[in-house]
Protein backbone atom coordinates (compact mmCIF):
# COMPACT_ATOMS: atom_id res chain seq x y z
CA MET A 1 -12.49 150.13 -48.28
CA LYS A 2 -13.31 148.18 -45.27
CA ILE A 3 -16.65 146.38 -44.41
CA SER A 4 -18.10 146.59 -40.82
CA ALA A 5 -20.47 143.81 -40.05
CA SER A 6 -23.49 145.08 -38.16
CA ILE A 7 -24.17 142.43 -35.59
CA GLN A 8 -27.64 143.63 -34.96
CA ALA A 9 -28.53 141.42 -38.07
CA ALA A 10 -26.68 138.35 -36.68
CA ASN A 11 -28.29 135.45 -34.71
CA GLN A 12 -28.15 136.94 -31.13
CA LEU A 13 -28.52 133.50 -29.64
CA ASP A 14 -25.50 132.29 -31.28
CA LEU A 15 -23.56 135.52 -31.98
CA LEU A 16 -19.98 134.35 -31.83
CA ASN A 17 -20.55 131.43 -34.01
CA HIS A 18 -22.46 133.40 -36.46
CA ILE A 19 -19.82 136.04 -36.59
CA ASP A 20 -17.18 133.26 -37.12
CA SER A 21 -19.06 131.50 -39.86
CA ASN A 22 -19.30 134.66 -41.91
CA ASN A 23 -15.87 136.08 -41.16
CA ILE A 24 -14.69 136.27 -44.78
CA LYS A 25 -17.17 138.86 -45.55
CA PHE A 26 -16.07 141.63 -43.33
CA ASP A 27 -13.00 143.42 -41.68
CA GLN A 28 -14.63 144.68 -38.41
CA LEU A 29 -17.70 144.63 -36.23
CA HIS A 30 -20.40 147.32 -35.89
CA ILE A 31 -22.39 147.37 -32.73
CA ASP A 32 -25.46 149.56 -32.65
CA ILE A 33 -26.81 150.78 -29.22
CA THR A 34 -30.14 152.32 -29.09
CA ASP A 35 -32.18 153.50 -26.11
CA GLY A 36 -35.91 153.47 -27.14
CA HIS A 37 -35.82 157.39 -27.18
CA PHE A 38 -33.54 158.60 -29.85
CA ALA A 39 -34.43 155.53 -31.91
CA GLU A 40 -37.79 153.57 -31.39
CA ASN A 41 -35.92 150.27 -30.86
CA ILE A 42 -33.87 149.07 -27.88
CA SER A 43 -30.96 147.07 -28.83
CA MET A 44 -27.58 145.94 -27.59
CA SER A 45 -26.20 146.09 -24.12
CA PHE A 46 -22.86 147.56 -23.45
CA LYS A 47 -21.95 144.01 -22.14
CA VAL A 48 -21.90 142.92 -25.77
CA ILE A 49 -18.97 145.22 -26.30
CA GLU A 50 -16.96 143.66 -23.46
CA MET A 51 -17.95 140.09 -24.62
CA LEU A 52 -16.71 140.81 -28.20
CA LYS A 53 -13.49 142.55 -27.07
CA ASN A 54 -12.84 139.57 -24.73
CA ASN A 55 -13.68 136.81 -27.32
CA THR A 56 -12.66 138.23 -30.76
CA ASP A 57 -9.64 140.15 -32.11
CA TYR A 58 -11.86 142.52 -34.30
CA TYR A 59 -11.81 146.28 -34.38
CA LEU A 60 -15.07 147.29 -32.58
CA ASP A 61 -16.98 150.17 -34.15
CA VAL A 62 -19.78 151.24 -31.77
CA HIS A 63 -22.75 153.38 -32.97
CA LEU A 64 -24.67 155.02 -30.33
CA MET A 65 -28.27 156.12 -31.18
CA ILE A 66 -29.07 157.28 -27.75
CA ASN A 67 -29.72 160.69 -25.94
CA ASP A 68 -27.03 160.73 -23.22
CA ASN A 69 -23.95 160.59 -25.24
CA LEU A 70 -21.50 162.08 -22.82
CA LYS A 71 -22.13 159.52 -20.23
CA TYR A 72 -22.55 156.40 -22.49
CA GLY A 73 -19.81 157.42 -24.92
CA GLU A 74 -17.27 157.14 -22.17
CA ILE A 75 -18.82 153.80 -21.08
CA ALA A 76 -18.46 152.45 -24.51
CA PHE A 77 -14.96 153.10 -24.71
CA ASP A 78 -14.43 151.72 -21.20
CA CYS A 79 -16.21 148.55 -22.35
CA GLY A 80 -13.64 148.11 -25.19
CA ALA A 81 -14.94 150.11 -28.20
CA ASP A 82 -12.18 151.29 -30.60
CA LEU A 83 -14.40 153.75 -32.25
CA VAL A 84 -17.53 155.32 -30.86
CA THR A 85 -19.99 157.24 -33.16
CA VAL A 86 -22.48 159.71 -31.57
CA HIS A 87 -25.22 161.48 -33.35
CA LYS A 88 -25.07 165.24 -34.04
CA GLU A 89 -28.82 165.42 -33.53
CA SER A 90 -28.45 164.18 -29.84
CA THR A 91 -25.08 165.78 -28.96
CA GLU A 92 -24.18 169.29 -28.21
CA LEU A 93 -21.07 170.58 -29.54
CA LYS A 94 -19.48 171.08 -26.06
CA ASP A 95 -20.28 167.51 -25.15
CA PHE A 96 -18.77 166.23 -28.33
CA ILE A 97 -15.53 168.31 -27.55
CA LYS A 98 -15.47 166.66 -24.25
CA LEU A 99 -15.84 163.02 -25.85
CA SER A 100 -12.91 163.93 -28.11
CA GLU A 101 -10.78 164.88 -25.13
CA PHE A 102 -11.70 161.64 -23.46
CA ASN A 103 -10.79 159.55 -26.57
CA LYS A 104 -9.72 160.77 -29.88
CA ASN A 105 -11.54 157.97 -31.79
CA ILE A 106 -15.00 159.65 -31.56
CA GLY A 107 -17.04 159.98 -34.64
CA ILE A 108 -20.05 162.03 -35.54
CA GLY A 109 -23.19 160.46 -37.13
CA LEU A 110 -25.88 162.14 -39.14
CA LEU A 111 -29.54 160.98 -39.69
CA PRO A 112 -30.76 160.68 -43.31
CA GLY A 113 -32.76 163.85 -43.23
CA THR A 114 -30.28 166.07 -41.50
CA SER A 115 -28.15 168.45 -43.88
CA ASN A 116 -24.42 167.73 -44.10
CA SER A 117 -23.88 171.37 -43.35
CA GLU A 118 -24.97 170.54 -39.61
CA LEU A 119 -21.62 168.77 -39.24
CA ASP A 120 -19.42 171.79 -39.82
CA GLU A 121 -18.43 172.72 -36.28
CA TYR A 122 -17.99 169.13 -35.24
CA LEU A 123 -15.47 168.00 -37.90
CA GLN A 124 -12.35 169.30 -36.55
CA TYR A 125 -12.93 167.12 -33.42
CA ALA A 126 -14.25 164.01 -35.34
CA HIS A 127 -12.11 160.97 -36.05
CA SER A 128 -14.89 159.95 -38.46
CA VAL A 129 -18.28 160.89 -39.95
CA LEU A 130 -21.12 158.19 -40.20
CA LEU A 131 -23.80 159.10 -42.88
CA LEU A 132 -26.88 157.04 -42.09
CA GLY A 133 -28.99 155.91 -45.09
CA VAL A 134 -31.95 154.53 -42.90
CA ASN A 135 -33.93 155.68 -39.93
CA PRO A 136 -32.19 154.27 -36.86
CA GLY A 137 -33.06 151.23 -34.77
CA PHE A 138 -33.85 148.33 -37.10
CA SER A 139 -31.83 146.15 -39.47
CA ASN A 140 -32.45 145.07 -43.14
CA GLN A 141 -34.14 148.32 -44.19
CA SER A 142 -33.99 149.88 -47.59
CA GLN A 143 -32.30 153.24 -47.85
CA ALA A 144 -34.46 156.27 -47.06
CA ILE A 145 -32.28 158.63 -49.01
CA ASP A 146 -29.77 158.62 -52.04
CA LEU A 147 -26.70 157.77 -49.92
CA PRO A 148 -24.16 158.09 -52.68
CA ARG A 149 -25.42 161.57 -53.34
CA LYS A 150 -25.25 162.42 -49.59
CA VAL A 151 -21.64 161.21 -49.69
CA ASN A 152 -20.69 163.25 -52.75
CA ASP A 153 -22.42 166.26 -51.22
CA PHE A 154 -20.23 165.90 -48.07
CA ASN A 155 -17.09 165.53 -50.05
CA THR A 156 -18.01 168.70 -52.02
CA SER A 157 -18.91 170.65 -48.97
CA PHE A 158 -15.96 169.58 -46.82
CA PRO A 159 -13.14 168.81 -49.26
CA ASN A 160 -10.47 169.09 -46.53
CA TYR A 161 -11.87 166.72 -44.12
CA SER A 162 -9.18 163.97 -43.56
CA GLY A 163 -11.11 161.63 -41.24
CA GLU A 164 -12.88 158.46 -42.09
CA VAL A 165 -16.15 158.53 -43.98
CA ILE A 166 -18.50 155.68 -43.05
CA VAL A 167 -21.91 154.78 -44.55
CA ASP A 168 -24.46 152.81 -42.78
CA GLY A 169 -27.87 151.41 -43.72
CA GLY A 170 -29.26 149.46 -46.63
CA VAL A 171 -26.03 149.09 -48.44
CA LYS A 172 -26.18 145.86 -50.75
CA ASN A 173 -23.17 144.14 -52.16
CA GLU A 174 -23.83 145.66 -55.58
CA ASP A 175 -23.45 149.11 -54.10
CA LEU A 176 -19.89 148.54 -52.78
CA LYS A 177 -18.12 149.60 -55.96
CA VAL A 178 -20.03 152.76 -55.98
CA PHE A 179 -19.03 153.78 -52.47
CA GLU A 180 -15.48 152.72 -53.00
CA LYS A 181 -15.30 154.91 -56.10
CA ILE A 182 -16.49 158.14 -54.26
CA GLY A 183 -14.04 157.76 -51.36
CA VAL A 184 -16.02 155.98 -48.64
CA ASP A 185 -13.50 154.41 -46.19
CA VAL A 186 -15.90 151.99 -44.28
CA VAL A 187 -19.30 150.49 -45.38
CA VAL A 188 -21.64 149.02 -42.64
CA GLN A 189 -23.59 145.88 -43.83
CA GLY A 190 -25.81 143.78 -41.73
CA GLY A 191 -28.34 141.76 -43.65
CA ALA A 192 -25.97 141.46 -46.67
CA ILE A 193 -23.63 139.66 -44.43
CA PHE A 194 -25.78 137.82 -41.96
CA GLY A 195 -28.92 137.42 -44.12
């Protein structure tokens, strides 16, 4: 199981140094981009993706919590994202298929209150599934749902899904063994890494 460090929780004024000083705690970087519409907060610029691509060797996992995913999903890949996750709640199936044709490393995300069954038509095109345990937009939140239960429900509902399963939101270090045991591939952590 890999750990993806959510840089939203890092010191934005000294980002590269804060990433470097915590590098033993994670395997890759998670970049949240919100637009103030899909999520209340406005966060990272796409320029951050380019800066990290040009100044680090990390795999860049970009999580878009926005409304215009067809346009900005392609921009995120062009800026250097290795994986882009868009949300089912803001992405029509036809647009998700187009994104998967543009780059096969496209993931589908799900808000805490959305049923896993909503993913059904998307999974054949999805490199990965991100199950969000908090409401989007802000770092260092407590989980809004029982995230291990949501993972178990996903595994039961879609036993043949072979892509990555990612969990994101409110995951503490003491939770890691639980997620590893139930087959999670990547855990996103912010405050647990950067404080």
